[in-house]
Amino acid sequence: GVHNQIEPFLLNALEPLGERRTEI
């Protein structure tokens, strides 16, 4: 029941990419 946290985890991991991380 924690699969919804994958997207926030990826957003944090790709934080150096700035706004482009959302698209990726």
mmCIF file of all heavy atoms, coordinates in Angstrom:
data_MODEL
# 
_entry.id   MODEL 
# 
loop_
_atom_site.group_PDB 
_atom_site.id 
_atom_site.type_symbol 
_atom_site.label_atom_id 
_atom_site.label_alt_id 
_atom_site.label_comp_id 
_atom_site.label_asym_id 
_atom_site.label_entity_id 
_atom_site.label_seq_id 
_atom_site.pdbx_PDB_ins_code 
_atom_site.Cartn_x 
_atom_site.Cartn_y 
_atom_site.Cartn_z 
_atom_site.occupancy 
_atom_site.B_iso_or_equiv 
_atom_site.pdbx_formal_charge 
_atom_site.auth_seq_id 
_atom_site.auth_comp_id 
_atom_site.auth_asym_id 
_atom_site.auth_atom_id 
_atom_site.pdbx_PDB_model_num 
ATOM 1   N N   . GLY A 1 1  ? 0.778  -1.225 0.000   1.00 0.00 ? 1  GLY A N   1 
ATOM 2   C CA  . GLY A 1 1  ? 0.000  0.000  0.000   1.00 0.00 ? 1  GLY A CA  1 
ATOM 3   C C   . GLY A 1 1  ? 0.809  1.274  0.000   1.00 0.00 ? 1  GLY A C   1 
ATOM 4   O O   . GLY A 1 1  ? 0.288  2.334  0.363   1.00 0.00 ? 1  GLY A O   1 
ATOM 5   N N   . VAL A 1 2  ? 2.076  1.226  -0.389  1.00 0.00 ? 2  VAL A N   1 
ATOM 6   C CA  . VAL A 1 2  ? 2.917  2.432  -0.372  1.00 0.00 ? 2  VAL A CA  1 
ATOM 7   C C   . VAL A 1 2  ? 3.429  2.758  -1.779  1.00 0.00 ? 2  VAL A C   1 
ATOM 8   O O   . VAL A 1 2  ? 4.402  3.490  -1.930  1.00 0.00 ? 2  VAL A O   1 
ATOM 9   C CB  . VAL A 1 2  ? 4.106  2.267  0.600   1.00 0.00 ? 2  VAL A CB  1 
ATOM 10  C CG1 . VAL A 1 2  ? 3.627  2.205  2.030   1.00 0.00 ? 2  VAL A CG1 1 
ATOM 11  C CG2 . VAL A 1 2  ? 4.905  1.015  0.246   1.00 0.00 ? 2  VAL A CG2 1 
ATOM 12  N N   . HIS A 1 3  ? 2.773  2.218  -2.816  1.00 0.00 ? 3  HIS A N   1 
ATOM 13  C CA  . HIS A 1 3  ? 3.257  2.438  -4.173  1.00 0.00 ? 3  HIS A CA  1 
ATOM 14  C C   . HIS A 1 3  ? 3.102  3.883  -4.620  1.00 0.00 ? 3  HIS A C   1 
ATOM 15  O O   . HIS A 1 3  ? 3.758  4.314  -5.553  1.00 0.00 ? 3  HIS A O   1 
ATOM 16  C CB  . HIS A 1 3  ? 2.499  1.513  -5.133  1.00 0.00 ? 3  HIS A CB  1 
ATOM 17  C CG  . HIS A 1 3  ? 1.015  1.679  -5.081  1.00 0.00 ? 3  HIS A CG  1 
ATOM 18  N ND1 . HIS A 1 3  ? 0.248  1.160  -4.059  1.00 0.00 ? 3  HIS A ND1 1 
ATOM 19  C CD2 . HIS A 1 3  ? 0.155  2.321  -5.918  1.00 0.00 ? 3  HIS A CD2 1 
ATOM 20  C CE1 . HIS A 1 3  ? -1.026 1.452  -4.278  1.00 0.00 ? 3  HIS A CE1 1 
ATOM 21  N NE2 . HIS A 1 3  ? -1.111 2.169  -5.387  1.00 0.00 ? 3  HIS A NE2 1 
ATOM 22  N N   . ASN A 1 4  ? 2.208  4.634  -3.968  1.00 0.00 ? 4  ASN A N   1 
ATOM 23  C CA  . ASN A 1 4  ? 2.017  6.025  -4.360  1.00 0.00 ? 4  ASN A CA  1 
ATOM 24  C C   . ASN A 1 4  ? 3.203  6.909  -4.005  1.00 0.00 ? 4  ASN A C   1 
ATOM 25  O O   . ASN A 1 4  ? 3.245  8.074  -4.419  1.00 0.00 ? 4  ASN A O   1 
ATOM 26  C CB  . ASN A 1 4  ? 0.750  6.581  -3.691  1.00 0.00 ? 4  ASN A CB  1 
ATOM 27  C CG  . ASN A 1 4  ? -0.511 5.912  -4.204  1.00 0.00 ? 4  ASN A CG  1 
ATOM 28  O OD1 . ASN A 1 4  ? -0.586 5.533  -5.373  1.00 0.00 ? 4  ASN A OD1 1 
ATOM 29  N ND2 . ASN A 1 4  ? -1.496 5.760  -3.344  1.00 0.00 ? 4  ASN A ND2 1 
ATOM 30  N N   . GLN A 1 5  ? 4.162  6.382  -3.222  1.00 0.00 ? 5  GLN A N   1 
ATOM 31  C CA  . GLN A 1 5  ? 5.314  7.182  -2.836  1.00 0.00 ? 5  GLN A CA  1 
ATOM 32  C C   . GLN A 1 5  ? 6.459  7.097  -3.846  1.00 0.00 ? 5  GLN A C   1 
ATOM 33  O O   . GLN A 1 5  ? 7.495  7.733  -3.648  1.00 0.00 ? 5  GLN A O   1 
ATOM 34  C CB  . GLN A 1 5  ? 5.828  6.728  -1.459  1.00 0.00 ? 5  GLN A CB  1 
ATOM 35  C CG  . GLN A 1 5  ? 4.828  6.937  -0.332  1.00 0.00 ? 5  GLN A CG  1 
ATOM 36  C CD  . GLN A 1 5  ? 5.407  6.550  1.016   1.00 0.00 ? 5  GLN A CD  1 
ATOM 37  O OE1 . GLN A 1 5  ? 6.616  6.404  1.158   1.00 0.00 ? 5  GLN A OE1 1 
ATOM 38  N NE2 . GLN A 1 5  ? 4.545  6.380  2.006   1.00 0.00 ? 5  GLN A NE2 1 
ATOM 39  N N   . ILE A 1 6  ? 6.289  6.310  -4.908  1.00 0.00 ? 6  ILE A N   1 
ATOM 40  C CA  . ILE A 1 6  ? 7.362  6.210  -5.903  1.00 0.00 ? 6  ILE A CA  1 
ATOM 41  C C   . ILE A 1 6  ? 7.581  7.550  -6.601  1.00 0.00 ? 6  ILE A C   1 
ATOM 42  O O   . ILE A 1 6  ? 8.726  7.990  -6.794  1.00 0.00 ? 6  ILE A O   1 
ATOM 43  C CB  . ILE A 1 6  ? 7.028  5.108  -6.929  1.00 0.00 ? 6  ILE A CB  1 
ATOM 44  C CG1 . ILE A 1 6  ? 7.184  3.725  -6.297  1.00 0.00 ? 6  ILE A CG1 1 
ATOM 45  C CG2 . ILE A 1 6  ? 7.933  5.215  -8.145  1.00 0.00 ? 6  ILE A CG2 1 
ATOM 46  C CD1 . ILE A 1 6  ? 6.976  2.588  -7.255  1.00 0.00 ? 6  ILE A CD1 1 
ATOM 47  N N   . GLU A 1 7  ? 6.478  8.211  -6.958  1.00 0.00 ? 7  GLU A N   1 
ATOM 48  C CA  . GLU A 1 7  ? 6.627  9.480  -7.673  1.00 0.00 ? 7  GLU A CA  1 
ATOM 49  C C   . GLU A 1 7  ? 7.305  10.547 -6.824  1.00 0.00 ? 7  GLU A C   1 
ATOM 50  O O   . GLU A 1 7  ? 8.248  11.200 -7.301  1.00 0.00 ? 7  GLU A O   1 
ATOM 51  C CB  . GLU A 1 7  ? 5.261  9.968  -8.160  1.00 0.00 ? 7  GLU A CB  1 
ATOM 52  C CG  . GLU A 1 7  ? 5.344  11.217 -9.022  1.00 0.00 ? 7  GLU A CG  1 
ATOM 53  C CD  . GLU A 1 7  ? 4.007  11.571 -9.656  1.00 0.00 ? 7  GLU A CD  1 
ATOM 54  O OE1 . GLU A 1 7  ? 3.051  10.790 -9.464  1.00 0.00 ? 7  GLU A OE1 1 
ATOM 55  O OE2 . GLU A 1 7  ? 3.914  12.612 -10.326 1.00 0.00 ? 7  GLU A OE2 1 
ATOM 56  N N   . PRO A 1 8  ? 6.903  10.761 -5.547  1.00 0.00 ? 8  PRO A N   1 
ATOM 57  C CA  . PRO A 1 8  ? 7.649  11.736 -4.725  1.00 0.00 ? 8  PRO A CA  1 
ATOM 58  C C   . PRO A 1 8  ? 9.115  11.356 -4.530  1.00 0.00 ? 8  PRO A C   1 
ATOM 59  O O   . PRO A 1 8  ? 9.982  12.232 -4.488  1.00 0.00 ? 8  PRO A O   1 
ATOM 60  C CB  . PRO A 1 8  ? 6.886  11.736 -3.395  1.00 0.00 ? 8  PRO A CB  1 
ATOM 61  C CG  . PRO A 1 8  ? 5.523  11.258 -3.733  1.00 0.00 ? 8  PRO A CG  1 
ATOM 62  C CD  . PRO A 1 8  ? 5.703  10.281 -4.841  1.00 0.00 ? 8  PRO A CD  1 
ATOM 63  N N   . PHE A 1 9  ? 9.385  10.056 -4.451  1.00 0.00 ? 9  PHE A N   1 
ATOM 64  C CA  . PHE A 1 9  ? 10.774 9.618  -4.287  1.00 0.00 ? 9  PHE A CA  1 
ATOM 65  C C   . PHE A 1 9  ? 11.600 9.974  -5.521  1.00 0.00 ? 9  PHE A C   1 
ATOM 66  O O   . PHE A 1 9  ? 12.742 10.462 -5.405  1.00 0.00 ? 9  PHE A O   1 
ATOM 67  C CB  . PHE A 1 9  ? 10.796 8.107  -4.035  1.00 0.00 ? 9  PHE A CB  1 
ATOM 68  C CG  . PHE A 1 9  ? 12.180 7.533  -3.982  1.00 0.00 ? 9  PHE A CG  1 
ATOM 69  C CD1 . PHE A 1 9  ? 12.967 7.676  -2.858  1.00 0.00 ? 9  PHE A CD1 1 
ATOM 70  C CD2 . PHE A 1 9  ? 12.701 6.843  -5.071  1.00 0.00 ? 9  PHE A CD2 1 
ATOM 71  C CE1 . PHE A 1 9  ? 14.248 7.148  -2.807  1.00 0.00 ? 9  PHE A CE1 1 
ATOM 72  C CE2 . PHE A 1 9  ? 13.979 6.309  -5.031  1.00 0.00 ? 9  PHE A CE2 1 
ATOM 73  C CZ  . PHE A 1 9  ? 14.749 6.457  -3.894  1.00 0.00 ? 9  PHE A CZ  1 
ATOM 74  N N   . LEU A 1 10 ? 11.051 9.738  -6.706  1.00 0.00 ? 10 LEU A N   1 
ATOM 75  C CA  . LEU A 1 10 ? 11.768 10.086 -7.926  1.00 0.00 ? 10 LEU A CA  1 
ATOM 76  C C   . LEU A 1 10 ? 11.936 11.593 -8.060  1.00 0.00 ? 10 LEU A C   1 
ATOM 77  O O   . LEU A 1 10 ? 12.981 12.078 -8.530  1.00 0.00 ? 10 LEU A O   1 
ATOM 78  C CB  . LEU A 1 10 ? 11.018 9.532  -9.144  1.00 0.00 ? 10 LEU A CB  1 
ATOM 79  C CG  . LEU A 1 10 ? 11.010 8.003  -9.295  1.00 0.00 ? 10 LEU A CG  1 
ATOM 80  C CD1 . LEU A 1 10 ? 10.163 7.601  -10.492 1.00 0.00 ? 10 LEU A CD1 1 
ATOM 81  C CD2 . LEU A 1 10 ? 12.428 7.477  -9.460  1.00 0.00 ? 10 LEU A CD2 1 
ATOM 82  N N   . LEU A 1 11 ? 10.942 12.355 -7.655  1.00 0.00 ? 11 LEU A N   1 
ATOM 83  C CA  . LEU A 1 11 ? 11.056 13.808 -7.720  1.00 0.00 ? 11 LEU A CA  1 
ATOM 84  C C   . LEU A 1 11 ? 12.184 14.306 -6.817  1.00 0.00 ? 11 LEU A C   1 
ATOM 85  O O   . LEU A 1 11 ? 12.930 15.224 -7.187  1.00 0.00 ? 11 LEU A O   1 
ATOM 86  C CB  . LEU A 1 11 ? 9.732  14.459 -7.333  1.00 0.00 ? 11 LEU A CB  1 
ATOM 87  C CG  . LEU A 1 11 ? 8.588  14.329 -8.346  1.00 0.00 ? 11 LEU A CG  1 
ATOM 88  C CD1 . LEU A 1 11 ? 7.287  14.852 -7.765  1.00 0.00 ? 11 LEU A CD1 1 
ATOM 89  C CD2 . LEU A 1 11 ? 8.926  15.066 -9.637  1.00 0.00 ? 11 LEU A CD2 1 
ATOM 90  N N   . ASN A 1 12 ? 12.325 13.710 -5.642  1.00 0.00 ? 12 ASN A N   1 
ATOM 91  C CA  . ASN A 1 12 ? 13.410 14.104 -4.747  1.00 0.00 ? 12 ASN A CA  1 
ATOM 92  C C   . ASN A 1 12 ? 14.767 13.679 -5.301  1.00 0.00 ? 12 ASN A C   1 
ATOM 93  O O   . ASN A 1 12 ? 15.747 14.416 -5.193  1.00 0.00 ? 12 ASN A O   1 
ATOM 94  C CB  . ASN A 1 12 ? 13.197 13.486 -3.361  1.00 0.00 ? 12 ASN A CB  1 
ATOM 95  C CG  . ASN A 1 12 ? 12.014 14.096 -2.634  1.00 0.00 ? 12 ASN A CG  1 
ATOM 96  O OD1 . ASN A 1 12 ? 11.692 15.266 -2.843  1.00 0.00 ? 12 ASN A OD1 1 
ATOM 97  N ND2 . ASN A 1 12 ? 11.362 13.314 -1.779  1.00 0.00 ? 12 ASN A ND2 1 
ATOM 98  N N   . ALA A 1 13 ? 14.828 12.480 -5.898  1.00 0.00 ? 13 ALA A N   1 
ATOM 99  C CA  . ALA A 1 13 ? 16.100 11.995 -6.433  1.00 0.00 ? 13 ALA A CA  1 
ATOM 100 C C   . ALA A 1 13 ? 16.564 12.831 -7.612  1.00 0.00 ? 13 ALA A C   1 
ATOM 101 O O   . ALA A 1 13 ? 17.772 12.996 -7.830  1.00 0.00 ? 13 ALA A O   1 
ATOM 102 C CB  . ALA A 1 13 ? 15.975 10.528 -6.841  1.00 0.00 ? 13 ALA A CB  1 
ATOM 103 N N   . LEU A 1 14 ? 15.612 13.366 -8.393  1.00 0.00 ? 14 LEU A N   1 
ATOM 104 C CA  . LEU A 1 14 ? 15.948 14.165 -9.568  1.00 0.00 ? 14 LEU A CA  1 
ATOM 105 C C   . LEU A 1 14 ? 15.796 15.658 -9.302  1.00 0.00 ? 14 LEU A C   1 
ATOM 106 O O   . LEU A 1 14 ? 15.645 16.446 -10.237 1.00 0.00 ? 14 LEU A O   1 
ATOM 107 C CB  . LEU A 1 14 ? 15.056 13.757 -10.748 1.00 0.00 ? 14 LEU A CB  1 
ATOM 108 C CG  . LEU A 1 14 ? 15.176 12.300 -11.200 1.00 0.00 ? 14 LEU A CG  1 
ATOM 109 C CD1 . LEU A 1 14 ? 14.216 12.013 -12.346 1.00 0.00 ? 14 LEU A CD1 1 
ATOM 110 C CD2 . LEU A 1 14 ? 16.602 11.967 -11.616 1.00 0.00 ? 14 LEU A CD2 1 
ATOM 111 N N   . GLU A 1 15 ? 15.860 16.052 -8.055  1.00 0.00 ? 15 GLU A N   1 
ATOM 112 C CA  . GLU A 1 15 ? 15.703 17.468 -7.710  1.00 0.00 ? 15 GLU A CA  1 
ATOM 113 C C   . GLU A 1 15 ? 16.711 18.379 -8.408  1.00 0.00 ? 15 GLU A C   1 
ATOM 114 O O   . GLU A 1 15 ? 16.374 19.510 -8.775  1.00 0.00 ? 15 GLU A O   1 
ATOM 115 C CB  . GLU A 1 15 ? 15.802 17.642 -6.193  1.00 0.00 ? 15 GLU A CB  1 
ATOM 116 C CG  . GLU A 1 15 ? 15.509 19.048 -5.718  1.00 0.00 ? 15 GLU A CG  1 
ATOM 117 C CD  . GLU A 1 15 ? 15.528 19.154 -4.211  1.00 0.00 ? 15 GLU A CD  1 
ATOM 118 O OE1 . GLU A 1 15 ? 15.760 18.127 -3.541  1.00 0.00 ? 15 GLU A OE1 1 
ATOM 119 O OE2 . GLU A 1 15 ? 15.319 20.273 -3.691  1.00 0.00 ? 15 GLU A OE2 1 
ATOM 120 N N   . PRO A 1 16 ? 17.981 17.965 -8.626  1.00 0.00 ? 16 PRO A N   1 
ATOM 121 C CA  . PRO A 1 16 ? 18.922 18.846 -9.340  1.00 0.00 ? 16 PRO A CA  1 
ATOM 122 C C   . PRO A 1 16 ? 18.488 19.219 -10.756 1.00 0.00 ? 16 PRO A C   1 
ATOM 123 O O   . PRO A 1 16 ? 19.018 20.179 -11.317 1.00 0.00 ? 16 PRO A O   1 
ATOM 124 C CB  . PRO A 1 16 ? 20.221 18.025 -9.359  1.00 0.00 ? 16 PRO A CB  1 
ATOM 125 C CG  . PRO A 1 16 ? 20.128 17.143 -8.170  1.00 0.00 ? 16 PRO A CG  1 
ATOM 126 C CD  . PRO A 1 16 ? 18.671 16.783 -8.072  1.00 0.00 ? 16 PRO A CD  1 
ATOM 127 N N   . LEU A 1 17 ? 17.542 18.479 -11.333 1.00 0.00 ? 17 LEU A N   1 
ATOM 128 C CA  . LEU A 1 17 ? 17.093 18.801 -12.688 1.00 0.00 ? 17 LEU A CA  1 
ATOM 129 C C   . LEU A 1 17 ? 16.065 19.922 -12.716 1.00 0.00 ? 17 LEU A C   1 
ATOM 130 O O   . LEU A 1 17 ? 15.621 20.316 -13.801 1.00 0.00 ? 17 LEU A O   1 
ATOM 131 C CB  . LEU A 1 17 ? 16.505 17.556 -13.353 1.00 0.00 ? 17 LEU A CB  1 
ATOM 132 C CG  . LEU A 1 17 ? 17.506 16.431 -13.634 1.00 0.00 ? 17 LEU A CG  1 
ATOM 133 C CD1 . LEU A 1 17 ? 16.788 15.201 -14.170 1.00 0.00 ? 17 LEU A CD1 1 
ATOM 134 C CD2 . LEU A 1 17 ? 18.577 16.890 -14.609 1.00 0.00 ? 17 LEU A CD2 1 
ATOM 135 N N   . GLY A 1 18 ? 15.680 20.415 -11.544 1.00 0.00 ? 18 GLY A N   1 
ATOM 136 C CA  . GLY A 1 18 ? 14.764 21.546 -11.473 1.00 0.00 ? 18 GLY A CA  1 
ATOM 137 C C   . GLY A 1 18 ? 13.380 21.202 -12.004 1.00 0.00 ? 18 GLY A C   1 
ATOM 138 O O   . GLY A 1 18 ? 12.821 20.136 -11.720 1.00 0.00 ? 18 GLY A O   1 
ATOM 139 N N   . GLU A 1 19 ? 12.817 22.115 -12.784 1.00 0.00 ? 19 GLU A N   1 
ATOM 140 C CA  . GLU A 1 19 ? 11.464 21.918 -13.307 1.00 0.00 ? 19 GLU A CA  1 
ATOM 141 C C   . GLU A 1 19 ? 11.402 20.778 -14.312 1.00 0.00 ? 19 GLU A C   1 
ATOM 142 O O   . GLU A 1 19 ? 10.325 20.222 -14.553 1.00 0.00 ? 19 GLU A O   1 
ATOM 143 C CB  . GLU A 1 19 ? 10.965 23.214 -13.959 1.00 0.00 ? 19 GLU A CB  1 
ATOM 144 C CG  . GLU A 1 19 ? 10.832 24.380 -12.981 1.00 0.00 ? 19 GLU A CG  1 
ATOM 145 C CD  . GLU A 1 19 ? 10.366 25.648 -13.658 1.00 0.00 ? 19 GLU A CD  1 
ATOM 146 O OE1 . GLU A 1 19 ? 10.239 25.611 -14.902 1.00 0.00 ? 19 GLU A OE1 1 
ATOM 147 O OE2 . GLU A 1 19 ? 10.131 26.649 -12.958 1.00 0.00 ? 19 GLU A OE2 1 
ATOM 148 N N   . ARG A 1 20 ? 12.530 20.422 -14.910 1.00 0.00 ? 20 ARG A N   1 
ATOM 149 C CA  . ARG A 1 20 ? 12.526 19.347 -15.902 1.00 0.00 ? 20 ARG A CA  1 
ATOM 150 C C   . ARG A 1 20 ? 12.272 17.982 -15.282 1.00 0.00 ? 20 ARG A C   1 
ATOM 151 O O   . ARG A 1 20 ? 11.904 17.041 -15.983 1.00 0.00 ? 20 ARG A O   1 
ATOM 152 C CB  . ARG A 1 20 ? 13.857 19.331 -16.653 1.00 0.00 ? 20 ARG A CB  1 
ATOM 153 C CG  . ARG A 1 20 ? 14.168 20.627 -17.374 1.00 0.00 ? 20 ARG A CG  1 
ATOM 154 C CD  . ARG A 1 20 ? 15.543 20.576 -17.998 1.00 0.00 ? 20 ARG A CD  1 
ATOM 155 N NE  . ARG A 1 20 ? 15.928 21.864 -18.551 1.00 0.00 ? 20 ARG A NE  1 
ATOM 156 C CZ  . ARG A 1 20 ? 15.660 22.266 -19.779 1.00 0.00 ? 20 ARG A CZ  1 
ATOM 157 N NH1 . ARG A 1 20 ? 14.998 21.462 -20.594 1.00 0.00 ? 20 ARG A NH1 1 
ATOM 158 N NH2 . ARG A 1 20 ? 16.052 23.450 -20.207 1.00 0.00 ? 20 ARG A NH2 1 
ATOM 159 N N   . ARG A 1 21 ? 12.476 17.890 -13.974 1.00 0.00 ? 21 ARG A N   1 
ATOM 160 C CA  . ARG A 1 21 ? 12.275 16.587 -13.327 1.00 0.00 ? 21 ARG A CA  1 
ATOM 161 C C   . ARG A 1 21 ? 10.821 16.148 -13.420 1.00 0.00 ? 21 ARG A C   1 
ATOM 162 O O   . ARG A 1 21 ? 10.524 14.948 -13.478 1.00 0.00 ? 21 ARG A O   1 
ATOM 163 C CB  . ARG A 1 21 ? 12.703 16.660 -11.865 1.00 0.00 ? 21 ARG A CB  1 
ATOM 164 C CG  . ARG A 1 21 ? 11.927 17.687 -11.048 1.00 0.00 ? 21 ARG A CG  1 
ATOM 165 C CD  . ARG A 1 21 ? 12.312 17.691 -9.594  1.00 0.00 ? 21 ARG A CD  1 
ATOM 166 N NE  . ARG A 1 21 ? 11.600 18.730 -8.866  1.00 0.00 ? 21 ARG A NE  1 
ATOM 167 C CZ  . ARG A 1 21 ? 11.492 18.792 -7.542  1.00 0.00 ? 21 ARG A CZ  1 
ATOM 168 N NH1 . ARG A 1 21 ? 12.067 17.855 -6.808  1.00 0.00 ? 21 ARG A NH1 1 
ATOM 169 N NH2 . ARG A 1 21 ? 10.838 19.767 -6.956  1.00 0.00 ? 21 ARG A NH2 1 
ATOM 170 N N   . THR A 1 22 ? 9.899  17.112 -13.419 1.00 0.00 ? 22 THR A N   1 
ATOM 171 C CA  . THR A 1 22 ? 8.477  16.755 -13.491 1.00 0.00 ? 22 THR A CA  1 
ATOM 172 C C   . THR A 1 22 ? 8.177  16.026 -14.791 1.00 0.00 ? 22 THR A C   1 
ATOM 173 O O   . THR A 1 22 ? 7.460  15.009 -14.808 1.00 0.00 ? 22 THR A O   1 
ATOM 174 C CB  . THR A 1 22 ? 7.614  18.021 -13.372 1.00 0.00 ? 22 THR A CB  1 
ATOM 175 O OG1 . THR A 1 22 ? 7.952  18.720 -12.172 1.00 0.00 ? 22 THR A OG1 1 
ATOM 176 C CG2 . THR A 1 22 ? 6.140  17.658 -13.343 1.00 0.00 ? 22 THR A CG2 1 
ATOM 177 N N   . GLU A 1 23 ? 8.718  16.528 -15.894 1.00 0.00 ? 23 GLU A N   1 
ATOM 178 C CA  . GLU A 1 23 ? 8.506  15.881 -17.194 1.00 0.00 ? 23 GLU A CA  1 
ATOM 179 C C   . GLU A 1 23 ? 9.131  14.493 -17.217 1.00 0.00 ? 23 GLU A C   1 
ATOM 180 O O   . GLU A 1 23 ? 8.507  13.523 -17.712 1.00 0.00 ? 23 GLU A O   1 
ATOM 181 C CB  . GLU A 1 23 ? 9.117  16.758 -18.292 1.00 0.00 ? 23 GLU A CB  1 
ATOM 182 C CG  . GLU A 1 23 ? 9.019  16.146 -19.684 1.00 0.00 ? 23 GLU A CG  1 
ATOM 183 C CD  . GLU A 1 23 ? 9.764  16.971 -20.720 1.00 0.00 ? 23 GLU A CD  1 
ATOM 184 O OE1 . GLU A 1 23 ? 10.203 18.092 -20.394 1.00 0.00 ? 23 GLU A OE1 1 
ATOM 185 O OE2 . GLU A 1 23 ? 9.904  16.481 -21.872 1.00 0.00 ? 23 GLU A OE2 1 
ATOM 186 N N   . ILE A 1 24 ? 10.347 14.360 -16.683 1.00 0.00 ? 24 ILE A N   1 
ATOM 187 C CA  . ILE A 1 24 ? 11.027 13.063 -16.705 1.00 0.00 ? 24 ILE A CA  1 
ATOM 188 C C   . ILE A 1 24 ? 10.286 12.047 -15.844 1.00 0.00 ? 24 ILE A C   1 
ATOM 189 O O   . ILE A 1 24 ? 10.050 10.908 -16.260 1.00 0.00 ? 24 ILE A O   1 
ATOM 190 C CB  . ILE A 1 24 ? 12.488 13.229 -16.220 1.00 0.00 ? 24 ILE A CB  1 
ATOM 191 C CG1 . ILE A 1 24 ? 13.263 14.114 -17.197 1.00 0.00 ? 24 ILE A CG1 1 
ATOM 192 C CG2 . ILE A 1 24 ? 13.166 11.874 -16.069 1.00 0.00 ? 24 ILE A CG2 1 
ATOM 193 C CD1 . ILE A 1 24 ? 14.669 14.422 -16.743 1.00 0.00 ? 24 ILE A CD1 1 
# 
